[in-house]
Amino acid sequence: MREKLRNLLLYAGADHSSIARIMPSVQQANVTMALTLSGFGTLLIAAMLVFSLRLDGLRQNSWVYVGGFCFSVLIFLLSFVAKKHPKLIIPLIYLAYSVYYLYGILIGVVTDANGKTVTYIAMLILVPSLFVQRPLRTIVLTCLFDAIFIVGCVFVKSGSVMSVDIVNGALFGLLGLASGLVNNQVRVRHYIDVQKLQEISRIDKLTGVNNRNAYEVDLFSIAEKCKHNLACVYVDVNGLHELNNNKGHEHGDLMLKFIAKQIKMTFPDGMIYRIGGDEFVVFVPDTSKADVGYELINLIKKVEAEDYHIAVGYDVAGLRNLLMDNLVKSAEMNMFMNKNEYYKNLARTARKENY
């Protein structure tokens, strides 16, 4: 029960590992929401500011509109910065919550002490559903500003207006939290489901690396992740067919999983794809040809220590003259040369043993 409650408050009913996998999607959604709301909010508040200068009924709100306009512009600008600096997203959400709630409180309590609050009540219903984040944060922030609103009503308002606003603030605060938490949980579940579908469509189930489908989708966008050059490594597993026939497919699977693990350890920054039954392609950004060759020597040693064998080929191209098809073909041709040499040596060894 305690674990379920913890997951509900911290991870919207999911678990930490699931949240970690969907975090890039959540961050992108939150930044998009902040950009959209602050953009429309800036235009809307600017219009209200203009009207307040012309209409007597809104003139007392003009200073609130000026503050709201300035902070809305600030949120809009910070949203662009947060695209490249994800650590700013949480402070951005805090700022957005604070601005929207305070805007509603100032309009409903300070500038119109004798009228019933409408703007803040609308914020109570809207704001908890805006961003995908830890439910506990939404609860704390909403309760904090609802307490500020109620205290403000007690000190500023009086009579039935005060009573109605306090009751509405409490009731609609609970309603907004309930709807916001449910909406948050549904959106988190959606992101998790989408992530699982993407993993199924992109990840090779046996080895855990990217599959052929991911390779074909990613191939011509990989260069965007490089600054100077791109290395392509082509790995072919020797003897898979023979191992499957002689010892069974489970032994072949063990070999493939071991080799895939060693490739991941050798090229931790590489983009690794299993493009065939016994073929792997690795793209390594911004590395030298000498470094790739050195790492491949170590990879071959680790693989052969388990009495497995691989054929490897590689090439490196600068971004200015990079053609992905040519780079992959060059690495593949070098792999075939290495593979032919392996089987020639194997044949020589067999002939010597027969003598």
Protein backbone atom coordinates (compact mmCIF):
# COMPACT_ATOMS: atom_id res chain seq x y z
CA MET A 1 0.00 0.00 0.00
CA ARG A 2 2.80 2.42 0.92
CA GLU A 3 4.64 1.62 -2.31
CA LYS A 4 1.51 2.23 -4.40
CA LEU A 5 0.89 5.55 -2.67
CA ARG A 6 4.52 6.58 -3.20
CA ASN A 7 4.36 5.71 -6.90
CA LEU A 8 1.06 7.56 -7.21
CA LEU A 9 2.43 10.76 -5.67
CA LEU A 10 5.87 10.68 -7.29
CA TYR A 11 5.35 8.86 -10.60
CA ALA A 12 1.61 9.18 -11.36
CA GLY A 13 1.05 5.48 -10.64
CA ALA A 14 4.01 4.25 -12.71
CA ASP A 15 7.50 3.40 -11.45
CA HIS A 16 10.84 5.18 -11.55
CA SER A 17 12.31 3.17 -14.44
CA SER A 18 9.23 3.77 -16.63
CA ILE A 19 9.30 7.49 -15.89
CA ALA A 20 13.02 7.65 -16.72
CA ARG A 21 12.37 6.11 -20.16
CA ILE A 22 9.61 8.58 -21.05
CA MET A 23 11.33 11.65 -19.57
CA PRO A 24 12.49 13.08 -22.94
CA SER A 25 8.91 12.94 -24.25
CA VAL A 26 7.56 14.47 -21.03
CA GLN A 27 10.11 17.29 -21.14
CA GLN A 28 9.30 18.05 -24.76
CA ALA A 29 5.56 18.11 -23.99
CA ASN A 30 6.06 20.45 -21.03
CA VAL A 31 8.20 22.88 -23.02
CA THR A 32 5.67 22.87 -25.85
CA MET A 33 2.87 23.55 -23.35
CA ALA A 34 4.83 26.40 -21.74
CA LEU A 35 5.57 27.94 -25.14
CA THR A 36 1.97 27.68 -26.32
CA LEU A 37 0.37 28.99 -23.13
CA SER A 38 2.82 31.83 -22.64
CA GLY A 39 2.51 32.83 -26.29
CA PHE A 40 -1.28 33.02 -26.20
CA GLY A 41 -1.19 34.39 -22.65
CA THR A 42 1.11 37.24 -23.69
CA LEU A 43 -1.22 38.24 -26.52
CA LEU A 44 -4.32 37.95 -24.33
CA ILE A 45 -2.88 39.95 -21.42
CA ALA A 46 -1.55 42.58 -23.83
CA ALA A 47 -5.08 42.95 -25.23
CA MET A 48 -6.51 43.24 -21.70
CA LEU A 49 -3.90 45.89 -20.87
CA VAL A 50 -4.97 47.93 -23.88
CA PHE A 51 -8.65 47.60 -22.91
CA SER A 52 -7.86 48.55 -19.29
CA LEU A 53 -6.42 51.87 -20.46
CA ARG A 54 -9.64 52.67 -22.31
CA LEU A 55 -12.33 51.15 -20.08
CA ASP A 56 -12.98 52.53 -16.61
CA GLY A 57 -14.13 49.12 -15.31
CA LEU A 58 -10.76 47.54 -16.04
CA ARG A 59 -8.47 50.46 -15.22
CA GLN A 60 -7.78 49.27 -11.67
CA ASN A 61 -6.41 46.01 -13.11
CA SER A 62 -3.86 47.64 -15.42
CA TRP A 63 -0.89 47.16 -13.07
CA VAL A 64 -1.73 43.45 -12.79
CA TYR A 65 -1.85 43.19 -16.58
CA VAL A 66 1.55 44.85 -16.84
CA GLY A 67 3.04 42.36 -14.38
CA GLY A 68 1.28 39.43 -16.04
CA PHE A 69 2.52 40.55 -19.46
CA CYS A 70 6.13 40.81 -18.28
CA PHE A 71 6.13 37.40 -16.59
CA SER A 72 4.36 35.79 -19.54
CA VAL A 73 7.08 37.09 -21.85
CA LEU A 74 9.69 35.75 -19.39
CA ILE A 75 8.09 32.27 -19.44
CA PHE A 76 8.00 32.38 -23.24
CA LEU A 77 11.72 33.21 -23.47
CA LEU A 78 12.70 30.66 -20.82
CA SER A 79 10.79 27.98 -22.74
CA PHE A 80 13.14 28.44 -25.70
CA VAL A 81 16.17 28.19 -23.42
CA ALA A 82 14.74 25.08 -21.72
CA LYS A 83 14.73 23.25 -25.07
CA LYS A 84 18.52 23.07 -24.90
CA HIS A 85 18.82 23.03 -21.10
CA PRO A 86 16.30 20.49 -19.69
CA LYS A 87 17.35 21.30 -16.10
CA LEU A 88 15.41 24.55 -16.45
CA ILE A 89 12.11 22.79 -17.13
CA ILE A 90 11.16 22.18 -13.49
CA PRO A 91 11.88 25.81 -12.44
CA LEU A 92 9.96 26.88 -15.55
CA ILE A 93 6.93 24.87 -14.41
CA TYR A 94 7.16 26.36 -10.90
CA LEU A 95 7.29 29.84 -12.40
CA ALA A 96 4.33 29.17 -14.68
CA TYR A 97 2.21 27.82 -11.83
CA SER A 98 3.13 30.78 -9.63
CA VAL A 99 2.38 33.38 -12.30
CA TYR A 100 -0.99 31.90 -13.28
CA TYR A 101 -2.17 31.44 -9.69
CA LEU A 102 -0.93 34.85 -8.51
CA TYR A 103 -2.49 36.51 -11.53
CA GLY A 104 -5.85 34.99 -10.61
CA ILE A 105 -5.47 35.93 -6.93
CA LEU A 106 -4.54 39.53 -7.68
CA ILE A 107 -7.41 39.99 -10.14
CA GLY A 108 -9.93 38.31 -7.84
CA VAL A 109 -8.88 39.58 -4.40
CA VAL A 110 -6.70 42.68 -4.53
CA THR A 111 -8.20 44.66 -7.44
CA ASP A 112 -11.83 43.63 -6.84
CA ALA A 113 -12.41 43.16 -3.13
CA ASN A 114 -16.19 43.51 -3.44
CA GLY A 115 -16.75 41.11 -6.35
CA LYS A 116 -16.83 37.33 -6.49
CA THR A 117 -13.65 35.76 -7.78
CA VAL A 118 -13.86 34.20 -11.24
CA THR A 119 -10.34 34.28 -12.72
CA TYR A 120 -8.64 32.45 -9.85
CA ILE A 121 -11.36 29.76 -9.78
CA ALA A 122 -10.76 29.21 -13.49
CA MET A 123 -7.03 28.88 -12.78
CA LEU A 124 -7.72 26.27 -10.09
CA ILE A 125 -9.49 24.10 -12.66
CA LEU A 126 -7.04 24.71 -15.52
CA VAL A 127 -3.54 24.86 -14.04
CA PRO A 128 -3.24 21.36 -12.44
CA SER A 129 -3.86 19.80 -15.87
CA LEU A 130 -1.30 21.84 -17.80
CA PHE A 131 1.99 20.02 -17.22
CA VAL A 132 3.05 16.40 -16.87
CA GLN A 133 5.00 16.21 -13.63
CA ARG A 134 5.12 14.59 -10.22
CA PRO A 135 1.62 14.79 -8.71
CA LEU A 136 3.08 15.71 -5.31
CA ARG A 137 4.47 18.95 -6.77
CA THR A 138 1.08 19.89 -8.19
CA ILE A 139 -0.60 19.16 -4.86
CA VAL A 140 1.90 21.23 -2.86
CA LEU A 141 1.84 24.23 -5.22
CA THR A 142 -1.96 24.26 -5.55
CA CYS A 143 -2.51 23.94 -1.80
CA LEU A 144 0.05 26.71 -1.15
CA PHE A 145 -1.62 29.22 -3.47
CA ASP A 146 -5.10 28.16 -2.39
CA ALA A 147 -4.07 28.93 1.19
CA ILE A 148 -2.77 32.33 0.05
CA PHE A 149 -6.09 32.97 -1.71
CA ILE A 150 -8.18 32.02 1.32
CA VAL A 151 -6.07 34.14 3.68
CA GLY A 152 -6.37 37.04 1.24
CA CYS A 153 -10.15 36.66 1.20
CA VAL A 154 -10.27 36.71 4.99
CA PHE A 155 -8.28 39.96 5.21
CA VAL A 156 -9.65 41.79 2.16
CA LYS A 157 -13.21 40.61 1.57
CA SER A 158 -16.24 40.51 3.82
CA GLY A 159 -19.77 39.17 4.14
CA SER A 160 -21.24 36.69 1.68
CA VAL A 161 -18.63 37.50 -0.97
CA MET A 162 -15.86 36.34 1.35
CA SER A 163 -17.78 33.17 2.31
CA VAL A 164 -18.58 32.24 -1.30
CA ASP A 165 -14.99 32.80 -2.46
CA ILE A 166 -13.52 30.75 0.40
CA VAL A 167 -15.91 27.87 -0.24
CA ASN A 168 -15.35 28.04 -3.99
CA GLY A 169 -11.57 28.21 -3.52
CA ALA A 170 -11.59 25.07 -1.37
CA LEU A 171 -14.05 23.09 -3.49
CA PHE A 172 -12.67 24.03 -6.89
CA GLY A 173 -9.14 23.55 -5.57
CA LEU A 174 -10.02 19.93 -4.78
CA LEU A 175 -11.85 19.53 -8.08
CA GLY A 176 -8.92 20.96 -10.04
CA LEU A 177 -6.47 18.70 -8.24
CA ALA A 178 -8.61 15.62 -8.80
CA SER A 179 -9.06 16.29 -12.52
CA GLY A 180 -5.42 17.32 -12.89
CA LEU A 181 -4.08 14.20 -11.20
CA VAL A 182 -6.29 11.93 -13.28
CA ASN A 183 -5.29 13.76 -16.46
CA ASN A 184 -1.62 13.53 -15.46
CA GLN A 185 -1.88 9.80 -14.82
CA VAL A 186 -3.60 9.19 -18.17
CA ARG A 187 -0.95 11.15 -20.03
CA VAL A 188 1.89 9.32 -18.25
CA ARG A 189 0.31 5.97 -19.13
CA HIS A 190 -0.01 7.12 -22.74
CA TYR A 191 3.67 8.06 -22.92
CA ILE A 192 4.65 4.71 -21.39
CA ASP A 193 2.52 2.80 -23.91
CA VAL A 194 3.97 4.78 -26.80
CA GLN A 195 7.49 4.15 -25.48
CA LYS A 196 6.83 0.41 -25.29
CA LEU A 197 5.54 0.35 -28.86
CA GLN A 198 8.61 2.25 -30.03
CA GLU A 199 10.89 -0.18 -28.23
CA ILE A 200 9.09 -3.13 -29.81
CA SER A 201 9.40 -1.59 -33.28
CA ARG A 202 13.02 -0.44 -32.85
CA ILE A 203 14.78 -2.81 -30.46
CA ASP A 204 16.10 -6.27 -31.32
CA LYS A 205 14.59 -8.52 -28.67
CA LEU A 206 17.51 -10.97 -28.50
CA THR A 207 20.47 -8.59 -28.23
CA GLY A 208 18.86 -5.40 -26.95
CA VAL A 209 20.41 -3.20 -29.67
CA ASN A 210 18.54 -1.33 -32.40
CA ASN A 211 17.00 -3.48 -35.10
CA ARG A 212 16.86 -3.26 -38.90
CA ASN A 213 13.75 -1.11 -38.82
CA ALA A 214 15.48 1.46 -36.60
CA TYR A 215 18.53 1.37 -38.89
CA GLU A 216 16.49 2.23 -41.97
CA VAL A 217 14.64 5.01 -40.14
CA ASP A 218 17.77 6.55 -38.57
CA LEU A 219 20.31 6.11 -41.36
CA PHE A 220 20.12 9.53 -42.98
CA SER A 221 19.69 11.51 -39.74
CA ILE A 222 22.69 10.03 -37.89
CA ALA A 223 25.05 12.63 -39.35
CA GLU A 224 23.10 15.34 -37.49
CA LYS A 225 24.57 14.02 -34.24
CA CYS A 226 28.16 14.62 -35.39
CA LYS A 227 30.31 17.73 -35.34
CA HIS A 228 33.36 16.65 -37.36
CA ASN A 229 33.20 13.12 -38.75
CA LEU A 230 31.43 9.78 -38.55
CA ALA A 231 32.84 6.26 -38.29
CA CYS A 232 30.96 3.20 -39.52
CA VAL A 233 31.89 -0.23 -38.17
CA TYR A 234 30.53 -3.37 -39.85
CA VAL A 235 30.62 -6.59 -37.80
CA ASP A 236 29.76 -10.03 -39.15
CA VAL A 237 29.63 -13.05 -36.83
CA ASN A 238 31.58 -15.98 -38.26
CA GLY A 239 30.24 -19.50 -37.84
CA LEU A 240 26.69 -18.70 -36.64
CA HIS A 241 25.06 -21.06 -39.15
CA GLU A 242 27.43 -23.89 -38.27
CA LEU A 243 26.94 -23.36 -34.52
CA ASN A 244 23.15 -23.41 -34.89
CA ASN A 245 23.32 -26.66 -36.88
CA ASN A 246 25.84 -28.42 -34.64
CA LYS A 247 24.80 -27.32 -31.13
CA GLY A 248 21.35 -25.77 -31.53
CA HIS A 249 19.96 -22.27 -31.84
CA GLU A 250 20.23 -21.58 -28.12
CA HIS A 251 24.03 -21.68 -28.44
CA GLY A 252 23.87 -19.35 -31.43
CA ASP A 253 21.68 -16.97 -29.43
CA LEU A 254 24.17 -16.97 -26.57
CA MET A 255 26.95 -16.11 -28.98
CA LEU A 256 25.00 -13.23 -30.52
CA LYS A 257 24.09 -11.81 -27.10
CA PHE A 258 27.70 -12.03 -25.94
CA ILE A 259 29.04 -10.31 -29.06
CA ALA A 260 26.37 -7.59 -28.91
CA LYS A 261 27.30 -6.94 -25.28
CA GLN A 262 30.97 -6.63 -26.18
CA ILE A 263 30.15 -4.22 -29.02
CA LYS A 264 28.15 -2.04 -26.62
CA MET A 265 31.03 -2.05 -24.14
CA THR A 266 33.58 -1.27 -26.86
CA PHE A 267 31.56 1.61 -28.36
CA PRO A 268 29.48 3.04 -25.48
CA ASP A 269 28.81 6.23 -27.44
CA GLY A 270 28.01 4.39 -30.66
CA MET A 271 24.66 3.82 -32.33
CA ILE A 272 24.45 0.03 -32.69
CA TYR A 273 22.11 -1.84 -35.04
CA ARG A 274 21.57 -5.52 -35.72
CA ILE A 275 20.69 -5.38 -39.42
CA GLY A 276 20.72 -9.12 -40.13
CA GLY A 277 20.89 -12.46 -38.40
CA ASP A 278 24.65 -12.23 -37.89
CA GLU A 279 25.42 -8.64 -38.92
CA PHE A 280 25.85 -5.53 -36.79
CA VAL A 281 26.49 -1.94 -37.87
CA VAL A 282 27.87 0.68 -35.46
CA PHE A 283 28.06 4.42 -36.05
CA VAL A 284 30.51 6.33 -33.86
CA PRO A 285 30.47 10.14 -34.06
CA ASP A 286 33.59 12.31 -33.94
CA THR A 287 36.32 9.71 -33.57
CA SER A 288 39.54 9.04 -35.44
CA LYS A 289 40.22 6.09 -37.70
CA ALA A 290 43.15 5.07 -35.48
CA ASP A 291 40.95 5.00 -32.38
CA VAL A 292 38.32 2.86 -34.12
CA GLY A 293 40.98 0.41 -35.27
CA TYR A 294 42.42 0.19 -31.77
CA GLU A 295 39.01 -0.50 -30.23
CA LEU A 296 38.26 -3.17 -32.83
CA ILE A 297 41.50 -5.00 -31.98
CA ASN A 298 40.36 -5.15 -28.35
CA LEU A 299 36.87 -6.25 -29.41
CA ILE A 300 38.25 -9.12 -31.51
CA LYS A 301 40.45 -10.26 -28.60
CA LYS A 302 37.49 -10.34 -26.19
CA VAL A 303 35.35 -12.25 -28.68
CA GLU A 304 38.06 -14.79 -29.50
CA ALA A 305 38.71 -15.32 -25.79
CA GLU A 306 35.27 -16.99 -25.72
CA ASP A 307 36.20 -19.07 -28.80
CA TYR A 308 33.91 -16.98 -31.04
CA HIS A 309 34.97 -15.21 -34.22
CA ILE A 310 33.91 -12.04 -36.00
CA ALA A 311 34.85 -10.31 -39.23
CA VAL A 312 35.11 -6.52 -39.01
CA GLY A 313 35.43 -3.63 -41.40
CA TYR A 314 35.28 0.11 -40.88
CA ASP A 315 35.72 3.49 -42.45
CA VAL A 316 35.58 7.14 -41.36
CA ALA A 317 34.25 10.11 -43.34
CA GLY A 318 34.22 13.84 -42.65
CA LEU A 319 30.89 15.62 -42.60
CA ARG A 320 31.66 17.72 -45.65
CA ASN A 321 31.95 14.76 -48.00
CA LEU A 322 29.78 12.30 -46.07
CA LEU A 323 27.48 10.04 -48.08
CA MET A 324 25.90 7.49 -45.76
CA ASP A 325 25.42 4.78 -48.39
CA ASN A 326 29.03 5.04 -49.49
CA LEU A 327 30.32 5.00 -45.92
CA VAL A 328 28.35 1.85 -45.05
CA LYS A 329 29.36 0.11 -48.31
CA SER A 330 33.02 0.92 -47.70
CA ALA A 331 32.86 -0.54 -44.18
CA GLU A 332 31.00 -3.59 -45.51
CA MET A 333 33.59 -4.20 -48.27
CA ASN A 334 36.40 -4.02 -45.70
CA MET A 335 34.48 -6.51 -43.56
CA PHE A 336 34.19 -8.92 -46.52
CA MET A 337 37.93 -8.69 -47.06
CA ASN A 338 38.51 -9.53 -43.41
CA LYS A 339 35.97 -12.37 -43.58
CA ASN A 340 37.59 -13.89 -46.69
CA GLU A 341 40.97 -13.77 -44.97
CA TYR A 342 39.49 -15.57 -41.96
CA TYR A 343 38.12 -18.42 -44.05
CA LYS A 344 41.34 -18.70 -46.05
CA ASN A 345 43.28 -19.09 -42.81
CA LEU A 346 40.69 -21.61 -41.63
CA ALA A 347 41.13 -23.62 -44.83
CA ARG A 348 44.93 -23.57 -44.50
CA THR A 349 44.67 -24.79 -40.92
CA ALA A 350 42.34 -27.62 -41.98
CA ARG A 351 44.73 -28.75 -44.75
CA LYS A 352 47.68 -28.82 -42.36
CA GLU A 353 45.73 -30.91 -39.88
CA ASN A 354 44.80 -33.40 -42.63
CA TYR A 355 48.49 -33.88 -43.40
